[in-house]
Amino acid sequence: LAGGKDFSLALQSDGTVVSWGAETIFTGDGSPVDTSPPEGLNNVTAIAASEYHSLALKSDGTVVVWGDNWHNSYDIPEGLSDVIAIEAAGTGYNVALKSDGTVVAWGDNSLGMTDVPEGLSNVIAIEAGRHHIVALKSDGTVVSWGRNNKGQTNVPAGLSNVVAVEAG
C-alpha cells in the first residue's frame, strides 16, 4: 500500500496496481494531476507515492513514474536498472536502492534530498521523509542526508546494530 495527496495505491498479487480516492488532484500551482497508474502497467513488485506522483518497481528492476512531473520527478536517471527498492517523497523526489547496495536519487533537490553522499555503499534499506533520506547499511549503521532543520539527518553518534529505519 502507498498513499499520496488524497489518493491511495495498492499492489495486487498479480503485479498490477489499483488506485482510489481522488482521480485528479491539484498541485500547489493549481495544475491538475491524474493519479491513475499508466494503462498496461504490470509485473510490479513494489509501489511508492508522494504528494503528487507515484512510482512502481517492476520485476525486471526498472522504475515507472506517473502523476505530476514537478521538480523533474519523471526524469529517471538514464540507465537506472537493477533496482530492488523505491521511495517517493515530498512534492517531487525519488530514491532507488540498487542490488549492488548503492543509492540513486532524482527530482527535487531544493534541500539536498538527491545529494547522495559520495561513496555510500552496502545499503540494504532506504526510507524517505518529506525532505530527507535515511539509509541502513549492512553493518547496522545509518546514514542520512537532505534537510536538517530539526536535526533529522543528525544520526546519533555510535548508533549501531540497527535492523530497520523509517523516515517521516
C-alpha atoms as a PDB file:
ATOM      1  CA  LEU A   1       0.000   0.000   0.000  1.00  0.00           C
ATOM      2  CA  ALA A   2       1.046   3.589  -0.619  1.00  0.00           C
ATOM      3  CA  GLY A   3      -0.683   6.936  -0.327  1.00  0.00           C
ATOM      4  CA  GLY A   4      -0.301  10.362  -1.812  1.00  0.00           C
ATOM      5  CA  LYS A   5      -2.290  13.562  -1.536  1.00  0.00           C
ATOM      6  CA  ASP A   6      -5.939  12.452  -1.460  1.00  0.00           C
ATOM      7  CA  PHE A   7      -5.296   9.093  -3.193  1.00  0.00           C
ATOM      8  CA  SER A   8      -4.167   5.585  -2.303  1.00  0.00           C
ATOM      9  CA  LEU A   9      -2.483   2.757  -4.194  1.00  0.00           C
ATOM     10  CA  ALA A  10      -2.480  -0.992  -3.729  1.00  0.00           C
ATOM     11  CA  LEU A  11      -0.217  -3.572  -5.331  1.00  0.00           C
ATOM     12  CA  GLN A  12      -2.096  -6.751  -6.127  1.00  0.00           C
ATOM     13  CA  SER A  13      -0.602 -10.253  -6.075  1.00  0.00           C
ATOM     14  CA  ASP A  14      -0.800 -10.415  -9.886  1.00  0.00           C
ATOM     15  CA  GLY A  15       1.629  -7.462 -10.205  1.00  0.00           C
ATOM     16  CA  THR A  16      -0.951  -4.821 -11.114  1.00  0.00           C
ATOM     17  CA  VAL A  17      -1.618  -1.527  -9.319  1.00  0.00           C
ATOM     18  CA  VAL A  18      -5.018  -0.135  -8.315  1.00  0.00           C
ATOM     19  CA  SER A  19      -5.662   3.456  -7.227  1.00  0.00           C
ATOM     20  CA  TRP A  20      -8.615   5.042  -5.454  1.00  0.00           C
ATOM     21  CA  GLY A  21      -9.579   8.345  -3.936  1.00  0.00           C
ATOM     22  CA  ALA A  22      -9.203  11.489  -5.972  1.00  0.00           C
ATOM     23  CA  GLU A  23      -8.654  10.602  -9.627  1.00  0.00           C
ATOM     24  CA  THR A  24      -7.437  14.139 -10.201  1.00  0.00           C
ATOM     25  CA  ILE A  25      -5.533  16.200  -7.649  1.00  0.00           C
ATOM     26  CA  PHE A  26      -4.294  19.762  -7.925  1.00  0.00           C
ATOM     27  CA  THR A  27      -0.712  20.758  -7.255  1.00  0.00           C
ATOM     28  CA  GLY A  28       0.315  23.867  -5.360  1.00  0.00           C
ATOM     29  CA  ASP A  29       0.206  25.896  -8.579  1.00  0.00           C
ATOM     30  CA  GLY A  30      -3.302  24.598  -9.405  1.00  0.00           C
ATOM     31  CA  SER A  31      -2.260  22.175 -12.138  1.00  0.00           C
ATOM     32  CA  PRO A  32      -4.434  19.047 -12.394  1.00  0.00           C
ATOM     33  CA  VAL A  33      -2.709  15.665 -11.983  1.00  0.00           C
ATOM     34  CA  ASP A  34      -4.121  12.238 -12.856  1.00  0.00           C
ATOM     35  CA  THR A  35      -3.392   9.748 -10.056  1.00  0.00           C
ATOM     36  CA  SER A  36      -4.286   6.633 -12.075  1.00  0.00           C
ATOM     37  CA  PRO A  37      -1.491   4.159 -12.877  1.00  0.00           C
ATOM     38  CA  PRO A  38      -0.467   4.015 -16.539  1.00  0.00           C
ATOM     39  CA  GLU A  39      -2.545   1.654 -18.619  1.00  0.00           C
ATOM     40  CA  GLY A  40      -0.858  -1.711 -19.088  1.00  0.00           C
ATOM     41  CA  LEU A  41       1.357  -1.375 -16.014  1.00  0.00           C
ATOM     42  CA  ASN A  42       2.119  -4.925 -14.844  1.00  0.00           C
ATOM     43  CA  ASN A  43       4.864  -7.084 -13.339  1.00  0.00           C
ATOM     44  CA  VAL A  44       5.112  -4.624 -10.452  1.00  0.00           C
ATOM     45  CA  THR A  45       6.857  -5.740  -7.250  1.00  0.00           C
ATOM     46  CA  ALA A  46       6.722  -2.520  -5.183  1.00  0.00           C
ATOM     47  CA  ILE A  47       4.949   0.852  -5.159  1.00  0.00           C
ATOM     48  CA  ALA A  48       5.567   4.251  -3.590  1.00  0.00           C
ATOM     49  CA  ALA A  49       3.725   7.570  -3.615  1.00  0.00           C
ATOM     50  CA  SER A  50       4.473  11.182  -2.792  1.00  0.00           C
ATOM     51  CA  GLU A  51       2.064  14.081  -2.662  1.00  0.00           C
ATOM     52  CA  TYR A  52       1.725  14.413  -6.423  1.00  0.00           C
ATOM     53  CA  HIS A  53       3.372  11.443  -8.131  1.00  0.00           C
ATOM     54  CA  SER A  54       3.792   7.680  -7.805  1.00  0.00           C
ATOM     55  CA  LEU A  55       6.415   5.051  -8.581  1.00  0.00           C
ATOM     56  CA  ALA A  56       6.316   1.392  -9.460  1.00  0.00           C
ATOM     57  CA  LEU A  57       9.234  -1.031  -9.328  1.00  0.00           C
ATOM     58  CA  LYS A  58       8.921  -3.704 -11.985  1.00  0.00           C
ATOM     59  CA  SER A  59      10.182  -7.269 -11.681  1.00  0.00           C
ATOM     60  CA  ASP A  60      12.941  -6.522 -14.222  1.00  0.00           C
ATOM     61  CA  GLY A  61      14.467  -3.901 -11.861  1.00  0.00           C
ATOM     62  CA  THR A  62      13.212  -0.853 -13.765  1.00  0.00           C
ATOM     63  CA  VAL A  63      11.096   2.009 -12.428  1.00  0.00           C
ATOM     64  CA  VAL A  64       7.938   3.661 -13.799  1.00  0.00           C
ATOM     65  CA  VAL A  65       6.747   7.129 -12.664  1.00  0.00           C
ATOM     66  CA  TRP A  66       3.320   8.750 -13.122  1.00  0.00           C
ATOM     67  CA  GLY A  67       1.448  11.786 -11.838  1.00  0.00           C
ATOM     68  CA  ASP A  68       2.991  15.241 -11.738  1.00  0.00           C
ATOM     69  CA  ASN A  69       6.480  15.976 -13.057  1.00  0.00           C
ATOM     70  CA  TRP A  70       7.047  18.901 -10.706  1.00  0.00           C
ATOM     71  CA  HIS A  71      10.762  19.163  -9.899  1.00  0.00           C
ATOM     72  CA  ASN A  72      11.539  16.655 -12.684  1.00  0.00           C
ATOM     73  CA  SER A  73      10.389  13.643 -10.673  1.00  0.00           C
ATOM     74  CA  TYR A  74       9.775  11.849 -14.000  1.00  0.00           C
ATOM     75  CA  ASP A  75      13.368  12.215 -15.108  1.00  0.00           C
ATOM     76  CA  ILE A  76      14.535   8.735 -14.173  1.00  0.00           C
ATOM     77  CA  PRO A  77      18.328   8.689 -14.449  1.00  0.00           C
ATOM     78  CA  GLU A  78      19.401   7.190 -17.753  1.00  0.00           C
ATOM     79  CA  GLY A  79      20.307   3.537 -17.445  1.00  0.00           C
ATOM     80  CA  LEU A  80      18.764   3.080 -13.987  1.00  0.00           C
ATOM     81  CA  SER A  81      18.367  -0.689 -13.569  1.00  0.00           C
ATOM     82  CA  ASP A  82      18.807  -3.481 -11.036  1.00  0.00           C
ATOM     83  CA  VAL A  83      16.618  -1.580  -8.567  1.00  0.00           C
ATOM     84  CA  ILE A  84      15.402  -3.572  -5.558  1.00  0.00           C
ATOM     85  CA  ALA A  85      13.583  -0.852  -3.530  1.00  0.00           C
ATOM     86  CA  ILE A  86      11.961   2.527  -4.209  1.00  0.00           C
ATOM     87  CA  GLU A  87      10.761   5.539  -2.229  1.00  0.00           C
ATOM     88  CA  ALA A  88       8.902   8.679  -3.333  1.00  0.00           C
ATOM     89  CA  ALA A  89       8.545  11.636  -1.025  1.00  0.00           C
ATOM     90  CA  GLY A  90       7.883  15.301  -0.603  1.00  0.00           C
ATOM     91  CA  THR A  91       6.491  17.079  -3.579  1.00  0.00           C
ATOM     92  CA  GLY A  92       8.814  15.610  -6.145  1.00  0.00           C
ATOM     93  CA  TYR A  93      11.831  13.476  -5.359  1.00  0.00           C
ATOM     94  CA  ASN A  94      12.544   9.762  -5.596  1.00  0.00           C
ATOM     95  CA  VAL A  95      15.081   7.310  -4.229  1.00  0.00           C
ATOM     96  CA  ALA A  96      16.068   3.882  -5.525  1.00  0.00           C
ATOM     97  CA  LEU A  97      18.192   1.190  -3.915  1.00  0.00           C
ATOM     98  CA  LYS A  98      20.131  -0.897  -6.399  1.00  0.00           C
ATOM     99  CA  SER A  99      21.051  -4.556  -5.969  1.00  0.00           C
ATOM    100  CA  ASP A 100      24.732  -3.597  -5.605  1.00  0.00           C
ATOM    101  CA  GLY A 101      23.944  -1.612  -2.421  1.00  0.00           C
ATOM    102  CA  THR A 102      24.188   1.833  -3.985  1.00  0.00           C
ATOM    103  CA  VAL A 103      21.526   4.539  -3.881  1.00  0.00           C
ATOM    104  CA  VAL A 104      20.260   6.781  -6.682  1.00  0.00           C
ATOM    105  CA  ALA A 105      18.047   9.841  -6.082  1.00  0.00           C
ATOM    106  CA  TRP A 106      16.422  12.251  -8.538  1.00  0.00           C
ATOM    107  CA  GLY A 107      13.892  15.066  -8.747  1.00  0.00           C
ATOM    108  CA  ASP A 108      13.576  17.985  -6.327  1.00  0.00           C
ATOM    109  CA  ASN A 109      16.936  18.822  -4.796  1.00  0.00           C
ATOM    110  CA  SER A 110      15.982  22.146  -3.242  1.00  0.00           C
ATOM    111  CA  LEU A 111      17.062  20.901   0.204  1.00  0.00           C
ATOM    112  CA  GLY A 112      19.768  18.399  -0.748  1.00  0.00           C
ATOM    113  CA  MET A 113      17.495  15.341  -0.952  1.00  0.00           C
ATOM    114  CA  THR A 114      19.114  13.997  -4.110  1.00  0.00           C
ATOM    115  CA  ASP A 115      22.700  14.681  -2.993  1.00  0.00           C
ATOM    116  CA  VAL A 116      23.523  11.058  -2.177  1.00  0.00           C
ATOM    117  CA  PRO A 117      26.697  11.055  -0.061  1.00  0.00           C
ATOM    118  CA  GLU A 118      29.725  10.217  -2.180  1.00  0.00           C
ATOM    119  CA  GLY A 119      30.947   6.671  -1.672  1.00  0.00           C
ATOM    120  CA  LEU A 120      27.737   5.473   0.010  1.00  0.00           C
ATOM    121  CA  SER A 121      27.617   1.693  -0.428  1.00  0.00           C
ATOM    122  CA  ASN A 122      26.467  -1.514   1.243  1.00  0.00           C
ATOM    123  CA  VAL A 123      22.974  -0.087   1.743  1.00  0.00           C
ATOM    124  CA  ILE A 124      20.249  -2.642   2.487  1.00  0.00           C
ATOM    125  CA  ALA A 125      17.240  -0.357   3.093  1.00  0.00           C
ATOM    126  CA  ILE A 126      16.112   3.189   2.296  1.00  0.00           C
ATOM    127  CA  GLU A 127      13.367   5.430   3.661  1.00  0.00           C
ATOM    128  CA  ALA A 128      12.366   8.880   2.501  1.00  0.00           C
ATOM    129  CA  GLY A 129      10.857  11.639   4.605  1.00  0.00           C
ATOM    130  CA  ARG A 130       9.362  14.822   3.271  1.00  0.00           C
ATOM    131  CA  HIS A 131      12.791  16.362   2.669  1.00  0.00           C
ATOM    132  CA  HIS A 132      15.372  13.850   3.916  1.00  0.00           C
ATOM    133  CA  ILE A 133      16.519  10.282   3.314  1.00  0.00           C
ATOM    134  CA  VAL A 134      17.673   7.590   5.732  1.00  0.00           C
ATOM    135  CA  ALA A 135      19.780   4.639   4.556  1.00  0.00           C
ATOM    136  CA  LEU A 136      20.529   1.483   6.552  1.00  0.00           C
ATOM    137  CA  LYS A 137      23.865  -0.144   5.782  1.00  0.00           C
ATOM    138  CA  SER A 138      24.629  -3.853   6.018  1.00  0.00           C
ATOM    139  CA  ASP A 139      26.865  -3.260   9.059  1.00  0.00           C
ATOM    140  CA  GLY A 140      23.889  -1.888  11.052  1.00  0.00           C
ATOM    141  CA  THR A 141      24.888   1.767  10.754  1.00  0.00           C
ATOM    142  CA  VAL A 142      22.711   4.579   9.409  1.00  0.00           C
ATOM    143  CA  VAL A 143      23.410   7.448   7.000  1.00  0.00           C
ATOM    144  CA  SER A 144      21.030  10.366   6.456  1.00  0.00           C
ATOM    145  CA  TRP A 145      21.004  13.432   4.212  1.00  0.00           C
ATOM    146  CA  GLY A 146      18.769  16.241   2.964  1.00  0.00           C
ATOM    147  CA  ARG A 147      17.024  18.917   5.000  1.00  0.00           C
ATOM    148  CA  ASN A 148      18.248  19.137   8.567  1.00  0.00           C
ATOM    149  CA  ASN A 149      16.134  21.925  10.075  1.00  0.00           C
ATOM    150  CA  LYS A 150      15.008  19.725  13.006  1.00  0.00           C
ATOM    151  CA  GLY A 151      18.089  17.506  13.290  1.00  0.00           C
ATOM    152  CA  GLN A 152      16.545  14.760  11.157  1.00  0.00           C
ATOM    153  CA  THR A 153      19.843  13.994   9.440  1.00  0.00           C
ATOM    154  CA  ASN A 154      21.939  14.101  12.632  1.00  0.00           C
ATOM    155  CA  VAL A 155      22.389  10.368  13.175  1.00  0.00           C
ATOM    156  CA  PRO A 156      23.261   9.809  16.853  1.00  0.00           C
ATOM    157  CA  ALA A 157      26.974   9.139  17.393  1.00  0.00           C
ATOM    158  CA  GLY A 158      27.665   5.474  17.997  1.00  0.00           C
ATOM    159  CA  LEU A 159      24.297   4.285  16.668  1.00  0.00           C
ATOM    160  CA  SER A 160      24.812   0.659  15.605  1.00  0.00           C
ATOM    161  CA  ASN A 161      23.085  -2.720  15.347  1.00  0.00           C
ATOM    162  CA  VAL A 162      20.137  -1.096  13.576  1.00  0.00           C
ATOM    163  CA  VAL A 163      17.827  -3.547  11.793  1.00  0.00           C
ATOM    164  CA  ALA A 164      15.179  -1.192  10.314  1.00  0.00           C
ATOM    165  CA  VAL A 165      14.712   2.514   9.564  1.00  0.00           C
ATOM    166  CA  GLU A 166      11.733   4.780   8.940  1.00  0.00           C
ATOM    167  CA  ALA A 167      11.510   8.466   7.980  1.00  0.00           C
ATOM    168  CA  GLY A 168       8.607  10.821   8.497  1.00  0.00           C
END
